[in-house]
Amino acid sequence: MSEAAADAPATAAAGEAKPSTFLDKLSRFTIGKDRDELPEKDTGAASDGSEAAAPAAPLTKWQKVKNHFRRFWIIHVIVVIIIAAIMLPILFIYIIPRIAQDLLNSGSIVIDSASILQPTSESVMLNVQSHVYVPGPFTVSTDPLHLNMFVPQVGADYPMSVLELPSNKIHKNTSMDTNGTLFTPFTNYTSWQNFVHNTIFLDAGGLGLKGTVPTRLGKIKKFDLDLDKSVPSKGLNQFKGFSIDGARLQLPPEADGTNLLANATLPNQSVLTLEIGNTTVDILSGDLKIATGYIENLFLKPGNNSFSIRGTANITTLLHNIKPVLAYQAPFIKNGYLQLTTRVTNIKYNGSTVPYYTEEMGKLPLVAETPLLGLLIDTLKGALGSAATNKTLVQEVKAKIHENHVDMHKRWADVADNSTELELVARHHLETLAQLGV
């Protein structure tokens, strides 16, 4: 065989890939003469000459986050448990009660109506109907409440009594009433009298409420809130608008000595219903007491209250003091009126004096003007119905009163301008009434 022929198979064999065995691969990493050729560097092309595959797309942030949590989820769970163990007690003990307290402080309480009944020197029967507004979407459950009532001007350190309220669920605007009419003793009599004073004399007063409110927010453990609020309310404003709508002398007097009958109106602009009791009053002309009146079972509801006054007029006192009485009444007689002042002297309930009503209402003189012509006509009407009266005399007097009725006010003004004539006319009629048995 020639040398060229011998090299041909060798060259052909060299062009073919050598079979790769484990020893061949190992020889590449052998140090020394037996080391095979090092592997070729990756040039980005496939071994068969084709182009390399496209690189993978980069991960998004969300995919990276998911991969992170898949790998380290156990660590995050442990961190959450630790944070919850620290924050939940703080949330329940401090944050939620603080939020609830702020909501209660920003809320409001309004008294819709109240009644103060069966007054004694030591207690009353109290009924309060109110509503409370607490902002926010929460529903708060309360236990029965025992709230101190106090006069804001006096202070919460001197509560006058305790207001008992049942348990309730409060959500936004909620009614909150007492369980009916409750026996309510006074814890501080002076504070109660101050409350009565403010109620009678002020146009707008207030009622203070203070106490602890045991409460729950949903199923959360109970916690206590502090209530300290002044609840606005209307007062009686000194019974502004008091009037004596009609009066007459009773001829002859009734068996019990009553010889003066009057109808009066006492306004009550507040939301309070007040049971006062049997009320004794003095009726005065200026500073002179001319009669004593009696109001049976005075009971004031919101609005105008009409009631009867039965009294005894002292004709002898009027005769002895006719000059100062007429001097005081002359300006009012010109306009056809008598000005009378009513002053409370005693109030009793079930036979016992009610000291706070007696003292506070006794400080308030109630002044009203009653029509003089109406008094005379009503007196004559009553007298005409009595067989014991000299009807001829009454009819003559009645005819004189109705004579020239259109000019009556001018006649009264003319008489009032002449004090001597006024005194003579008044004395004559008073003496006549005295003879008739008044």
Protein backbone atom coordinates (compact mmCIF):
# COMPACT_ATOMS: atom_id res chain seq x y z
CA MET A 1 0.00 0.00 0.00
CA SER A 2 1.27 3.41 -0.91
CA GLU A 3 1.88 6.11 1.63
CA ALA A 4 -0.87 8.33 0.16
CA ALA A 5 -3.36 5.55 0.41
CA ALA A 6 -2.42 4.99 3.98
CA ASP A 7 -2.92 8.69 4.83
CA ALA A 8 -6.35 8.91 3.13
CA PRO A 9 -8.22 6.78 5.63
CA ALA A 10 -6.43 8.62 8.40
CA THR A 11 -7.51 12.00 7.05
CA ALA A 12 -11.06 10.82 6.59
CA ALA A 13 -11.06 9.48 10.08
CA ALA A 14 -9.69 12.78 11.35
CA GLY A 15 -12.66 14.63 9.85
CA GLU A 16 -15.11 12.46 11.72
CA ALA A 17 -15.96 13.03 15.37
CA LYS A 18 -14.06 10.84 17.74
CA PRO A 19 -16.20 8.74 19.98
CA SER A 20 -16.56 10.42 23.38
CA THR A 21 -15.94 8.17 26.34
CA PHE A 22 -15.64 8.87 30.04
CA LEU A 23 -11.86 8.55 29.82
CA ASP A 24 -11.78 11.04 26.95
CA LYS A 25 -13.70 13.57 29.01
CA LEU A 26 -11.54 12.91 32.03
CA SER A 27 -8.36 13.38 30.00
CA ARG A 28 -9.27 16.99 29.38
CA PHE A 29 -8.82 17.75 33.08
CA THR A 30 -5.64 15.64 33.49
CA ILE A 31 -2.44 17.42 34.28
CA GLY A 32 0.56 16.33 32.28
CA LYS A 33 1.30 14.88 28.95
CA ASP A 34 -1.77 12.69 28.85
CA ARG A 35 -4.14 15.74 29.07
CA ASP A 36 -6.45 16.04 26.10
CA GLU A 37 -7.42 19.32 24.46
CA LEU A 38 -9.41 21.74 26.59
CA PRO A 39 -13.11 22.13 25.68
CA GLU A 40 -13.85 24.96 23.32
CA LYS A 41 -15.38 28.16 24.70
CA ASP A 42 -19.05 28.75 24.06
CA THR A 43 -19.23 31.13 21.13
CA GLY A 44 -23.00 31.40 21.20
CA ALA A 45 -23.41 29.01 18.31
CA ALA A 46 -24.60 25.44 18.44
CA SER A 47 -22.05 22.66 17.85
CA ASP A 48 -23.73 21.84 14.61
CA GLY A 49 -23.20 25.41 13.36
CA SER A 50 -26.79 26.70 14.04
CA GLU A 51 -27.53 29.98 15.98
CA ALA A 52 -27.90 29.91 19.86
CA ALA A 53 -31.41 29.79 21.54
CA ALA A 54 -33.03 33.20 22.61
CA PRO A 55 -32.40 34.20 26.29
CA ALA A 56 -35.35 33.90 28.81
CA ALA A 57 -37.51 37.04 29.46
CA PRO A 58 -36.68 38.90 32.74
CA LEU A 59 -39.06 38.43 35.74
CA THR A 60 -41.53 41.17 36.67
CA LYS A 61 -41.54 42.72 40.15
CA TRP A 62 -44.71 40.85 41.11
CA GLN A 63 -43.16 37.53 39.99
CA LYS A 64 -40.06 38.30 42.02
CA VAL A 65 -42.24 39.08 45.05
CA LYS A 66 -44.16 35.81 44.64
CA ASN A 67 -40.98 33.86 44.27
CA HIS A 68 -39.63 35.60 47.37
CA PHE A 69 -42.67 34.69 49.47
CA ARG A 70 -42.65 31.12 48.16
CA ARG A 71 -39.08 30.72 49.34
CA PHE A 72 -39.37 32.62 52.67
CA TRP A 73 -43.06 32.32 53.67
CA ILE A 74 -42.34 30.72 56.99
CA ILE A 75 -40.22 33.72 58.02
CA HIS A 76 -43.01 36.13 57.12
CA VAL A 77 -45.59 34.12 59.08
CA ILE A 78 -43.38 34.25 62.15
CA VAL A 79 -42.94 38.05 61.76
CA VAL A 80 -46.72 38.56 61.43
CA ILE A 81 -47.36 36.52 64.57
CA ILE A 82 -44.82 38.56 66.52
CA ILE A 83 -46.28 41.88 65.32
CA ALA A 84 -49.85 40.73 66.12
CA ALA A 85 -48.79 39.61 69.59
CA ILE A 86 -47.46 43.10 70.22
CA MET A 87 -50.10 45.25 68.46
CA LEU A 88 -53.39 43.51 69.35
CA PRO A 89 -53.13 44.18 73.11
CA ILE A 90 -52.25 47.80 72.34
CA LEU A 91 -55.21 48.01 69.93
CA PHE A 92 -57.73 46.57 72.41
CA ILE A 93 -56.39 48.22 75.55
CA TYR A 94 -55.56 51.70 74.26
CA ILE A 95 -56.57 52.48 70.68
CA ILE A 96 -60.19 51.20 70.50
CA PRO A 97 -61.23 52.63 73.90
CA ARG A 98 -59.65 55.92 72.93
CA ILE A 99 -61.60 56.03 69.65
CA ALA A 100 -64.82 55.13 71.50
CA GLN A 101 -64.16 57.85 74.11
CA ASP A 102 -63.62 60.44 71.39
CA LEU A 103 -66.87 59.41 69.70
CA LEU A 104 -68.76 59.68 73.01
CA ASN A 105 -67.24 63.10 73.70
CA SER A 106 -68.26 64.37 70.26
CA GLY A 107 -71.79 62.94 70.58
CA SER A 108 -74.81 64.70 72.08
CA ILE A 109 -77.66 63.98 74.50
CA VAL A 110 -81.06 65.67 74.16
CA ILE A 111 -83.88 65.44 76.71
CA ASP A 112 -87.16 65.02 74.81
CA SER A 113 -89.40 65.09 77.88
CA ALA A 114 -89.21 64.61 81.62
CA SER A 115 -91.61 64.47 84.54
CA ILE A 116 -90.97 65.33 88.18
CA LEU A 117 -93.82 63.96 90.26
CA GLN A 118 -94.83 63.38 93.89
CA PRO A 119 -92.47 65.96 95.39
CA THR A 120 -91.32 65.61 98.99
CA SER A 121 -88.54 67.23 100.97
CA GLU A 122 -86.31 64.20 100.35
CA SER A 123 -87.21 62.76 96.94
CA VAL A 124 -89.24 62.91 93.73
CA MET A 125 -90.53 60.41 91.20
CA LEU A 126 -88.50 60.97 88.05
CA ASN A 127 -89.09 59.95 84.45
CA VAL A 128 -86.75 61.02 81.63
CA GLN A 129 -87.11 60.36 77.91
CA SER A 130 -84.10 61.31 75.83
CA HIS A 131 -82.04 60.36 72.81
CA VAL A 132 -78.29 60.14 72.38
CA TYR A 133 -76.36 60.62 69.16
CA VAL A 134 -72.91 59.04 68.74
CA PRO A 135 -71.19 59.53 65.34
CA GLY A 136 -69.50 56.72 63.47
CA PRO A 137 -70.63 53.38 62.03
CA PHE A 138 -70.18 51.40 65.24
CA THR A 139 -72.82 49.82 67.46
CA VAL A 140 -71.98 50.18 71.15
CA SER A 141 -73.66 48.04 73.82
CA THR A 142 -73.92 49.51 77.31
CA ASP A 143 -74.65 47.99 80.69
CA PRO A 144 -77.21 49.63 83.01
CA LEU A 145 -76.03 53.16 83.78
CA HIS A 146 -75.94 55.04 87.08
CA LEU A 147 -75.24 58.67 86.18
CA ASN A 148 -74.86 61.52 88.65
CA MET A 149 -77.09 64.49 87.85
CA PHE A 150 -75.67 67.87 88.76
CA VAL A 151 -76.18 71.58 88.14
CA PRO A 152 -73.48 72.79 85.70
CA GLN A 153 -73.17 76.11 87.57
CA VAL A 154 -72.53 74.23 90.84
CA GLY A 155 -70.26 71.48 89.50
CA ALA A 156 -70.08 67.69 89.26
CA ASP A 157 -68.59 67.41 92.77
CA TYR A 158 -72.05 68.10 94.21
CA PRO A 159 -74.51 65.74 92.46
CA MET A 160 -78.15 66.25 93.34
CA SER A 161 -79.37 62.73 92.52
CA VAL A 162 -78.68 59.62 90.44
CA LEU A 163 -80.28 58.90 87.06
CA GLU A 164 -80.84 55.20 86.41
CA LEU A 165 -80.85 54.09 82.76
CA PRO A 166 -81.28 50.52 81.43
CA SER A 167 -78.79 48.70 79.20
CA ASN A 168 -78.98 49.69 75.57
CA LYS A 169 -77.47 49.34 72.11
CA ILE A 170 -76.39 52.70 70.76
CA HIS A 171 -76.03 53.28 67.05
CA LYS A 172 -76.03 56.85 65.77
CA ASN A 173 -79.37 58.38 67.00
CA THR A 174 -80.79 56.14 69.75
CA SER A 175 -83.56 56.60 72.33
CA MET A 176 -82.42 56.29 75.93
CA ASP A 177 -85.22 56.39 78.52
CA THR A 178 -85.60 55.47 82.16
CA ASN A 179 -87.54 52.34 83.04
CA GLY A 180 -90.76 54.23 83.75
CA THR A 181 -91.10 56.61 86.68
CA LEU A 182 -88.43 55.89 89.29
CA PHE A 183 -88.13 56.82 92.94
CA THR A 184 -85.23 59.28 93.06
CA PRO A 185 -83.89 60.46 96.44
CA PHE A 186 -81.76 63.60 96.69
CA THR A 187 -78.07 63.04 97.31
CA ASN A 188 -77.50 66.76 97.91
CA TYR A 189 -80.51 68.90 98.83
CA THR A 190 -78.76 72.23 98.15
CA SER A 191 -77.89 71.15 94.62
CA TRP A 192 -81.48 70.08 94.03
CA GLN A 193 -82.78 73.45 95.20
CA ASN A 194 -80.32 75.16 92.84
CA PHE A 195 -81.71 73.04 90.02
CA VAL A 196 -85.27 74.09 90.91
CA HIS A 197 -84.17 77.74 91.06
CA ASN A 198 -82.56 77.57 87.60
CA THR A 199 -85.57 75.75 86.18
CA ILE A 200 -87.95 78.47 87.40
CA PHE A 201 -85.89 81.58 86.68
CA LEU A 202 -83.80 80.80 83.58
CA ASP A 203 -84.89 80.84 79.97
CA ALA A 204 -82.31 78.19 79.03
CA GLY A 205 -80.75 76.06 81.71
CA GLY A 206 -78.87 72.79 81.68
CA LEU A 207 -78.52 69.43 83.36
CA GLY A 208 -75.12 67.89 83.97
CA LEU A 209 -74.58 64.12 83.67
CA LYS A 210 -71.44 62.36 84.84
CA GLY A 211 -70.52 58.73 85.36
CA THR A 212 -68.85 55.61 84.08
CA VAL A 213 -70.31 53.86 81.03
CA PRO A 214 -69.44 50.13 80.90
CA THR A 215 -69.58 49.28 77.22
CA ARG A 216 -68.68 46.79 74.50
CA LEU A 217 -67.90 47.38 70.83
CA GLY A 218 -69.28 44.31 69.02
CA LYS A 219 -67.81 41.15 70.60
CA ILE A 220 -64.76 42.94 71.95
CA LYS A 221 -64.01 42.72 75.65
CA LYS A 222 -65.74 45.26 77.90
CA PHE A 223 -64.14 48.60 78.61
CA ASP A 224 -65.26 51.68 80.54
CA LEU A 225 -65.87 55.15 79.13
CA ASP A 226 -66.20 58.41 81.07
CA LEU A 227 -69.33 60.49 80.49
CA ASP A 228 -69.26 64.15 81.52
CA LYS A 229 -71.78 66.23 79.60
CA SER A 230 -74.00 69.24 80.08
CA VAL A 231 -77.40 68.61 78.50
CA PRO A 232 -79.13 71.84 77.35
CA SER A 233 -82.78 72.33 78.29
CA LYS A 234 -85.37 75.09 78.37
CA GLY A 235 -86.34 76.65 81.69
CA LEU A 236 -89.66 78.15 82.79
CA ASN A 237 -88.34 81.69 82.19
CA GLN A 238 -90.15 83.12 85.26
CA PHE A 239 -93.50 82.00 83.82
CA LYS A 240 -93.35 84.80 81.29
CA GLY A 241 -96.85 85.35 79.91
CA PHE A 242 -98.69 84.72 83.20
CA SER A 243 -102.17 86.21 83.09
CA ILE A 244 -105.33 86.49 85.14
CA ASP A 245 -107.96 85.99 82.49
CA GLY A 246 -110.99 86.80 84.60
CA ALA A 247 -111.95 87.52 88.18
CA ARG A 248 -115.11 88.20 90.16
CA LEU A 249 -116.29 88.72 93.67
CA GLN A 250 -118.58 86.00 94.96
CA LEU A 251 -121.86 87.39 96.38
CA PRO A 252 -122.59 86.18 98.97
CA PRO A 253 -119.43 84.31 100.05
CA GLU A 254 -119.41 80.52 99.88
CA ALA A 255 -119.65 78.41 103.00
CA ASP A 256 -115.85 78.21 103.39
CA GLY A 257 -115.54 82.00 103.15
CA THR A 258 -114.47 82.10 99.49
CA ASN A 259 -115.53 85.44 97.99
CA LEU A 260 -113.01 85.80 95.16
CA LEU A 261 -112.84 83.56 92.06
CA ALA A 262 -110.31 83.97 89.26
CA ASN A 263 -109.03 82.09 86.23
CA ALA A 264 -105.33 82.25 85.49
CA THR A 265 -102.94 80.95 82.84
CA LEU A 266 -99.43 79.80 83.71
CA PRO A 267 -97.18 79.08 80.69
CA ASN A 268 -94.57 76.32 80.68
CA GLN A 269 -92.10 76.62 77.80
CA SER A 270 -89.93 73.71 78.97
CA VAL A 271 -90.23 69.96 78.27
CA LEU A 272 -90.82 69.30 81.97
CA THR A 273 -94.04 68.05 83.51
CA LEU A 274 -94.13 69.29 87.11
CA GLU A 275 -96.46 68.15 89.86
CA ILE A 276 -96.35 71.08 92.27
CA GLY A 277 -99.13 70.49 94.81
CA ASN A 278 -101.69 72.58 96.70
CA THR A 279 -100.54 76.18 96.40
CA THR A 280 -101.42 79.12 98.65
CA VAL A 281 -100.83 82.63 97.29
CA ASP A 282 -101.16 86.22 98.41
CA ILE A 283 -102.86 88.64 96.01
CA LEU A 284 -101.49 92.16 96.26
CA SER A 285 -102.17 95.61 94.92
CA GLY A 286 -98.67 97.02 94.87
CA ASP A 287 -97.27 96.04 98.25
CA LEU A 288 -100.65 95.76 99.97
CA LYS A 289 -102.12 92.31 100.48
CA ILE A 290 -105.79 92.50 99.54
CA ALA A 291 -106.69 88.80 99.29
CA THR A 292 -105.51 85.24 99.85
CA GLY A 293 -105.85 82.64 97.08
CA TYR A 294 -105.66 78.88 96.86
CA ILE A 295 -104.82 76.65 93.85
CA GLU A 296 -105.67 73.00 94.30
CA ASN A 297 -103.24 70.41 92.89
CA LEU A 298 -101.20 72.71 90.67
CA PHE A 299 -99.90 70.53 87.83
CA LEU A 300 -97.85 72.04 85.01
CA LYS A 301 -97.53 70.41 81.60
CA PRO A 302 -95.56 71.81 78.64
CA GLY A 303 -97.55 74.64 77.08
CA ASN A 304 -100.19 76.91 78.63
CA ASN A 305 -101.84 75.71 81.83
CA SER A 306 -105.20 77.14 82.92
CA PHE A 307 -106.34 76.81 86.53
CA SER A 308 -108.72 78.36 89.03
CA ILE A 309 -107.85 80.52 92.01
CA ARG A 310 -110.27 80.51 94.92
CA GLY A 311 -109.66 83.18 97.49
CA THR A 312 -110.84 85.52 100.19
CA ALA A 313 -110.75 89.26 99.57
CA ASN A 314 -110.43 91.45 102.66
CA ILE A 315 -112.90 94.28 102.10
CA THR A 316 -112.07 95.85 105.44
CA THR A 317 -108.41 96.13 104.46
CA LEU A 318 -109.41 97.71 101.16
CA LEU A 319 -111.61 100.30 102.92
CA HIS A 320 -108.87 101.23 105.37
CA ASN A 321 -106.30 101.56 102.58
CA ILE A 322 -108.47 102.86 99.78
CA LYS A 323 -106.34 105.95 99.19
CA PRO A 324 -102.96 104.20 98.58
CA VAL A 325 -104.68 101.44 96.60
CA LEU A 326 -106.30 103.91 94.23
CA ALA A 327 -103.10 105.94 93.95
CA TYR A 328 -101.30 102.81 92.78
CA GLN A 329 -104.10 101.57 90.50
CA ALA A 330 -105.00 104.92 88.88
CA PRO A 331 -102.67 104.53 85.82
CA PHE A 332 -104.08 101.06 85.13
CA ILE A 333 -107.70 102.05 85.74
CA LYS A 334 -107.30 104.65 82.98
CA ASN A 335 -106.80 101.74 80.59
CA GLY A 336 -109.62 99.72 82.12
CA TYR A 337 -107.46 97.29 84.12
CA LEU A 338 -106.44 96.43 87.64
CA GLN A 339 -102.85 95.31 88.17
CA LEU A 340 -102.63 92.44 90.64
CA THR A 341 -99.55 90.63 91.93
CA THR A 342 -99.66 86.98 92.94
CA ARG A 343 -96.99 85.62 95.28
CA VAL A 344 -96.65 82.03 96.49
CA THR A 345 -96.55 81.64 100.29
CA ASN A 346 -96.84 77.88 100.75
CA ILE A 347 -96.94 74.67 98.69
CA LYS A 348 -97.99 71.34 100.14
CA TYR A 349 -98.12 67.86 98.69
CA ASN A 350 -100.00 65.14 100.58
CA GLY A 351 -100.23 67.47 103.56
CA SER A 352 -96.47 68.15 103.80
CA THR A 353 -94.76 71.36 102.80
CA VAL A 354 -92.52 71.13 99.74
CA PRO A 355 -89.74 73.48 100.85
CA TYR A 356 -87.84 73.95 97.57
CA TYR A 357 -90.98 74.85 95.59
CA THR A 358 -92.25 77.10 98.38
CA GLU A 359 -88.96 78.98 98.69
CA GLU A 360 -88.09 79.33 95.01
CA MET A 361 -91.57 80.14 93.70
CA GLY A 362 -92.02 82.50 96.65
CA LYS A 363 -89.12 84.56 95.26
CA LEU A 364 -91.03 85.17 92.03
CA PRO A 365 -93.95 87.65 92.12
CA LEU A 366 -96.28 87.11 89.18
CA VAL A 367 -97.81 90.36 87.91
CA ALA A 368 -100.89 90.44 85.70
CA GLU A 369 -103.51 92.91 84.58
CA THR A 370 -107.14 91.86 84.82
CA PRO A 371 -109.97 93.71 83.04
CA LEU A 372 -111.80 95.94 85.51
CA LEU A 373 -115.02 95.97 83.50
CA GLY A 374 -114.98 92.20 83.26
CA LEU A 375 -114.51 91.95 87.04
CA LEU A 376 -117.52 94.19 87.68
CA ILE A 377 -119.78 92.48 85.12
CA ASP A 378 -118.83 88.96 86.24
CA THR A 379 -119.41 89.99 89.85
CA LEU A 380 -122.87 91.28 88.98
CA LYS A 381 -123.70 88.16 86.98
CA GLY A 382 -122.85 86.06 89.97
CA ALA A 383 -124.80 88.30 92.25
CA LEU A 384 -127.89 88.14 90.03
CA GLY A 385 -127.94 84.42 90.48
CA SER A 386 -128.11 84.73 94.25
CA ALA A 387 -131.46 85.11 96.01
CA ALA A 388 -129.75 86.69 99.00
CA THR A 389 -128.65 89.74 97.04
CA ASN A 390 -130.61 92.98 96.66
CA LYS A 391 -131.41 92.51 92.98
CA THR A 392 -132.79 96.02 92.57
CA LEU A 393 -129.49 97.53 93.69
CA VAL A 394 -127.48 95.20 91.48
CA GLN A 395 -129.60 95.95 88.44
CA GLU A 396 -129.20 99.68 88.98
CA VAL A 397 -125.44 99.35 89.24
CA LYS A 398 -125.35 97.12 86.15
CA ALA A 399 -127.40 99.65 84.19
CA LYS A 400 -124.99 102.41 85.15
CA ILE A 401 -122.02 100.31 84.02
CA HIS A 402 -123.58 99.59 80.63
CA GLU A 403 -124.73 103.17 80.13
CA ASN A 404 -122.73 104.67 77.27
CA HIS A 405 -120.59 101.53 77.11
CA VAL A 406 -118.72 102.79 74.02
CA ASP A 407 -117.23 105.62 76.07
CA MET A 408 -116.44 103.44 79.09
CA HIS A 409 -112.63 103.66 78.93
CA LYS A 410 -112.82 107.46 78.72
CA ARG A 411 -115.09 107.54 81.74
CA TRP A 412 -112.63 105.41 83.72
CA ALA A 413 -109.81 107.76 82.69
CA ASP A 414 -111.82 110.81 83.79
CA VAL A 415 -112.58 109.22 87.13
CA ALA A 416 -108.94 108.17 87.62
CA ASP A 417 -107.77 111.74 86.97
CA ASN A 418 -109.92 112.99 89.85
CA SER A 419 -108.53 111.19 92.90
CA THR A 420 -111.24 112.53 95.25
CA GLU A 421 -114.05 111.35 93.01
CA LEU A 422 -112.32 108.01 92.47
CA GLU A 423 -111.92 107.51 96.20
CA LEU A 424 -115.57 108.37 96.88
CA VAL A 425 -116.86 106.04 94.15
CA ALA A 426 -114.60 103.17 95.24
CA ARG A 427 -115.45 103.60 98.91
CA HIS A 428 -119.17 103.71 98.13
CA HIS A 429 -119.07 100.48 96.14
CA LEU A 430 -116.82 98.72 98.65
CA GLU A 431 -119.18 99.66 101.47
CA THR A 432 -122.08 98.39 99.37
CA LEU A 433 -120.29 95.10 98.78
CA ALA A 434 -119.51 94.83 102.48
CA GLN A 435 -123.21 95.27 103.27
CA LEU A 436 -123.99 92.52 100.76
CA GLY A 437 -121.80 90.14 102.74
CA VAL A 438 -118.61 90.04 100.75
